[in-house]
């Protein structure tokens, strides 16, 4: 697991507490859909199912989440952040990982909604 001094896994550069750590476990909502998506990627890297569930829209949220131990996350590339209106946005990204020694690539266009000032992940379309 990354230390608090390592660059944030989301790829923006600052250390975790000054980047996604502001939103994970800190009770501070992400300011936009891209920041939420980056914090969710970081939660996958850190194995933080609680953050993932808390930021998943209730209409689509699973009852539980098993993150598994065999995934090593390698990097995130945000390709596009598209605010659609004040309460809806899409973020297209590519996340690279390694599972049992095999490289994988997840290319997704994710949909987000903002309710009561907080952004939530709704669902995504795999590209």
Protein backbone atom coordinates (compact mmCIF):
# COMPACT_ATOMS: atom_id res chain seq x y z
CA UNK A 1 0.00 0.00 0.00
CA UNK A 2 1.29 3.49 -0.79
CA UNK A 3 2.55 5.64 2.09
CA UNK A 4 1.29 9.13 2.79
CA UNK A 5 4.48 10.58 1.26
CA UNK A 6 4.17 8.73 -2.08
CA UNK A 7 2.62 10.54 -5.05
CA UNK A 8 -1.13 9.98 -5.17
CA UNK A 9 -2.04 6.88 -7.22
CA UNK A 10 -4.45 8.96 -9.34
CA UNK A 11 -1.46 10.45 -11.16
CA UNK A 12 -1.88 14.14 -10.38
CA UNK A 13 1.39 14.29 -8.46
CA UNK A 14 0.90 15.59 -4.92
CA UNK A 15 1.13 13.17 -2.01
CA UNK A 16 -2.07 11.29 -1.12
CA UNK A 17 -3.14 13.56 1.79
CA UNK A 18 -2.96 16.63 -0.46
CA UNK A 19 -4.74 14.95 -3.38
CA UNK A 20 -7.36 12.19 -3.15
CA UNK A 21 -6.84 11.92 0.61
CA UNK A 22 -8.91 15.11 0.89
CA UNK A 23 -11.95 13.10 -0.21
CA UNK A 24 -11.24 9.57 1.02
CA UNK A 25 -12.25 9.24 4.65
CA UNK A 26 -12.05 12.98 5.20
CA UNK A 27 -15.75 13.66 4.74
CA UNK A 28 -15.04 16.36 2.14
CA UNK A 29 -16.99 15.87 -1.10
CA UNK A 30 -15.11 15.92 -4.40
CA UNK A 31 -15.64 19.23 -6.23
CA UNK A 32 -16.39 17.59 -9.59
CA UNK A 33 -16.88 14.22 -11.27
CA UNK A 34 -13.24 13.95 -12.35
CA UNK A 35 -11.95 14.43 -8.80
CA UNK A 36 -14.43 11.81 -7.59
CA UNK A 37 -13.36 9.38 -10.31
CA UNK A 38 -9.70 9.89 -9.41
CA UNK A 39 -10.49 9.29 -5.72
CA UNK A 40 -12.35 6.11 -6.64
CA UNK A 41 -9.36 4.84 -8.64
CA UNK A 42 -7.15 5.63 -5.64
CA UNK A 43 -9.58 3.73 -3.41
CA UNK A 44 -9.21 0.69 -5.68
CA UNK A 45 -5.41 0.97 -5.39
CA UNK A 46 -5.61 1.28 -1.59
CA UNK A 47 -8.27 -1.42 -1.19
CA UNK A 48 -10.77 1.03 0.33
CA UNK A 49 -14.16 -0.57 -0.37
CA UNK A 50 -15.87 1.80 2.09
CA UNK A 51 -15.05 4.86 -0.06
CA UNK A 52 -16.14 3.09 -3.22
CA UNK A 53 -19.50 2.11 -1.72
CA UNK A 54 -20.03 5.56 -0.16
CA UNK A 55 -19.50 7.27 -3.52
CA UNK A 56 -21.63 4.85 -5.56
CA UNK A 57 -25.12 6.16 -6.30
CA UNK A 58 -27.75 4.32 -4.25
CA UNK A 59 -29.65 3.31 -7.40
CA UNK A 60 -26.70 1.20 -8.60
CA UNK A 61 -24.67 0.49 -5.42
CA UNK A 62 -23.96 -3.18 -4.73
CA UNK A 63 -24.64 -4.51 -1.23
CA UNK A 64 -20.95 -5.35 -0.80
CA UNK A 65 -17.73 -5.15 -2.73
CA UNK A 66 -14.90 -7.69 -2.88
CA UNK A 67 -11.80 -6.00 -4.23
CA UNK A 68 -9.75 -9.19 -4.34
CA UNK A 69 -6.06 -9.42 -3.57
CA UNK A 70 -4.72 -10.31 -7.01
CA UNK A 71 -4.98 -6.93 -8.75
CA UNK A 72 -2.00 -4.57 -8.96
CA UNK A 73 -3.09 -1.19 -10.29
CA UNK A 74 -0.47 0.38 -12.57
CA UNK A 75 -1.82 3.73 -13.66
CA UNK A 76 -4.70 5.98 -14.60
CA UNK A 77 -5.18 8.17 -17.66
CA UNK A 78 -8.17 10.52 -17.67
CA UNK A 79 -9.06 11.12 -21.31
CA UNK A 80 -12.07 13.39 -20.94
CA UNK A 81 -14.14 15.10 -18.25
CA UNK A 82 -17.43 16.32 -19.69
CA UNK A 83 -19.83 18.24 -17.44
CA UNK A 84 -23.26 17.78 -19.06
CA UNK A 85 -25.12 20.18 -16.77
CA UNK A 86 -24.95 21.22 -13.10
CA UNK A 87 -25.79 17.73 -11.83
CA UNK A 88 -24.56 15.30 -14.51
CA UNK A 89 -21.11 14.57 -15.92
CA UNK A 90 -19.12 11.90 -17.72
CA UNK A 91 -15.49 10.94 -17.30
CA UNK A 92 -13.67 8.77 -19.80
CA UNK A 93 -10.58 7.03 -18.50
CA UNK A 94 -8.16 4.16 -18.99
CA UNK A 95 -6.93 2.26 -15.92
CA UNK A 96 -4.12 -0.25 -16.29
CA UNK A 97 -3.63 -3.21 -13.98
CA UNK A 98 -1.91 -6.55 -13.68
CA UNK A 99 -3.77 -9.68 -12.57
CA UNK A 100 -1.79 -12.88 -12.03
CA UNK A 101 1.05 -11.45 -14.11
CA UNK A 102 -1.13 -10.47 -17.07
CA UNK A 103 -1.58 -6.86 -18.07
CA UNK A 104 -5.12 -5.54 -18.36
CA UNK A 105 -6.65 -2.30 -19.49
CA UNK A 106 -10.04 -0.91 -18.46
CA UNK A 107 -11.35 1.80 -20.80
CA UNK A 108 -14.61 3.19 -19.44
CA UNK A 109 -16.92 6.14 -19.91
CA UNK A 110 -18.37 6.66 -16.43
CA UNK A 111 -21.54 8.55 -15.60
CA UNK A 112 -21.86 10.69 -12.48
CA UNK A 113 -24.67 12.57 -10.79
CA UNK A 114 -24.56 15.29 -8.12
CA UNK A 115 -27.12 15.24 -5.34
CA UNK A 116 -27.17 17.63 -2.38
CA UNK A 117 -23.74 18.95 -3.37
CA UNK A 118 -22.07 15.53 -3.55
CA UNK A 119 -21.00 13.67 -6.70
CA UNK A 120 -21.76 9.96 -7.06
CA UNK A 121 -20.66 7.32 -9.57
CA UNK A 122 -23.75 5.89 -11.29
CA UNK A 123 -22.45 3.42 -13.88
CA UNK A 124 -20.10 3.10 -16.80
CA UNK A 125 -19.84 1.88 -20.35
CA UNK A 126 -16.81 -0.26 -21.12
CA UNK A 127 -15.15 0.80 -24.36
